[in-house]
Protein backbone atom coordinates (compact mmCIF):
# COMPACT_ATOMS: atom_id res chain seq x y z
CA MET A 1 0.00 0.00 0.00
CA VAL A 2 2.85 2.41 0.82
CA SER A 3 4.56 1.51 -2.38
CA GLY A 4 1.35 2.15 -4.37
CA THR A 5 0.86 5.55 -2.72
CA ARG A 6 4.44 6.52 -3.52
CA ARG A 7 3.95 5.50 -7.16
CA LEU A 8 0.73 7.50 -7.33
CA LEU A 9 2.46 10.61 -5.92
CA THR A 10 5.39 10.13 -8.30
CA PHE A 11 2.98 9.75 -11.21
CA ARG A 12 1.15 12.97 -10.24
CA THR A 13 4.35 15.02 -9.97
CA THR A 14 5.61 13.56 -13.20
CA ALA A 15 2.34 14.34 -14.96
CA ALA A 16 2.47 17.95 -13.64
CA LYS A 17 6.06 18.34 -14.92
CA VAL A 18 5.08 16.95 -18.29
CA GLU A 19 2.13 19.33 -18.53
CA GLU A 20 4.31 22.26 -17.57
CA SER A 21 6.93 21.26 -20.11
CA GLU A 22 4.25 21.00 -22.82
CA LYS A 23 3.03 24.51 -22.05
CA ARG A 24 6.58 25.80 -22.15
CA LEU A 25 7.20 23.99 -25.45
CA ALA A 26 4.04 25.56 -26.95
CA LYS A 27 5.12 29.00 -25.82
CA LEU A 28 8.61 28.52 -27.23
CA ARG A 29 7.17 27.28 -30.56
CA GLU A 30 4.96 30.39 -30.73
CA GLU A 31 7.94 32.64 -29.95
CA ASN A 32 10.05 30.83 -32.52
CA GLU A 33 7.36 31.38 -35.17
CA GLN A 34 7.14 35.05 -34.28
CA LEU A 35 10.90 35.42 -34.55
CA ARG A 36 10.93 33.62 -37.88
CA ARG A 37 8.28 36.04 -39.25
CA GLU A 38 10.30 38.99 -37.93
CA LEU A 39 13.46 37.67 -39.52
CA GLU A 40 11.65 37.16 -42.83
CA TYR A 41 10.37 40.72 -42.74
CA LYS A 42 13.74 42.17 -41.85
CA ARG A 43 15.27 40.44 -44.88
CA SER A 44 12.66 42.01 -47.14
CA PRO A 45 13.43 45.03 -49.39
CA GLU A 46 10.61 47.03 -47.76
CA PHE A 47 12.33 46.83 -44.36
CA VAL A 48 15.71 47.76 -45.81
CA GLU A 49 14.22 50.78 -47.56
CA ARG A 50 12.38 51.90 -44.46
CA GLU A 51 15.49 51.66 -42.33
CA ILE A 52 17.53 53.59 -44.84
CA ARG A 53 14.94 56.33 -44.99
CA GLU A 54 14.45 56.62 -41.22
CA LYS A 55 18.01 56.21 -39.98
CA LEU A 56 20.00 57.84 -42.75
CA GLY A 57 17.42 60.34 -43.89
CA LEU A 58 17.75 59.37 -47.53
CA VAL A 59 15.01 59.97 -50.09
CA LYS A 60 14.18 58.75 -53.59
CA LYS A 61 14.74 60.98 -56.59
CA GLY A 62 12.00 63.56 -56.89
CA GLU A 63 11.00 63.42 -53.24
CA ALA A 64 11.34 66.29 -50.84
CA ILE A 65 11.95 66.21 -47.09
CA VAL A 66 9.82 68.46 -44.86
CA ILE A 67 11.09 69.05 -41.33
CA LEU A 68 8.53 70.59 -39.02
CA PRO A 69 9.77 72.49 -35.94
CA LYS A 70 8.66 71.38 -32.53
CA GLU A 71 5.88 73.48 -31.02
CA ASN A 72 7.83 74.50 -27.94
CA ASP A 73 11.11 75.20 -29.64
CA GLU A 74 12.01 78.66 -28.28
CA ARG A 75 15.00 79.13 -30.64
CA ARG A 76 12.79 79.12 -33.72
CA MET A 77 9.99 81.30 -32.37
CA THR A 78 9.53 84.89 -33.52
CA ASN A 79 9.10 87.71 -31.03
CA ASP A 80 5.37 87.77 -31.68
CA GLU A 81 5.16 84.04 -30.95
CA ARG A 82 7.13 84.49 -27.75
CA LYS A 83 4.73 87.21 -26.61
CA LYS A 84 1.81 84.86 -27.18
CA ASN A 85 3.45 82.29 -24.89
CA THR A 86 4.24 84.85 -22.19
CA PRO A 87 1.89 84.54 -19.19
CA ASN A 88 -0.62 87.36 -18.75
CA TYR A 89 0.71 88.58 -15.41
CA ILE A 90 4.09 89.25 -16.99
CA LYS A 91 2.45 91.16 -19.86
CA TRP A 92 0.56 93.32 -17.33
CA TRP A 93 3.73 93.91 -15.30
CA LYS A 94 5.57 95.05 -18.43
CA LEU A 95 2.66 97.30 -19.42
CA PHE A 96 2.53 99.13 -16.06
CA PHE A 97 6.15 99.02 -14.93
CA GLY A 98 8.02 98.77 -18.20
CA GLY A 99 10.64 96.28 -19.17
């Protein structure tokens, strides 16, 4: 009876390990498939062209690059634009006390 109980416990722990290993294997297979698709995409001409355009800033013949300034870039703002961004209390102070 003791031997049978031990075998049953061993069987349960072994079955749990097998189930856990099967889940891990399924997850690894899924990850492997995802990596395979990513590798396939990265070998494609579309990926190469996108990387060249983004990282090196190259364009095709006949294309033009447009670089938009950031909204809060103080160096590129005109005096009128800076006045618009100045808080009202400072504008009032300058109006009454100069500066």
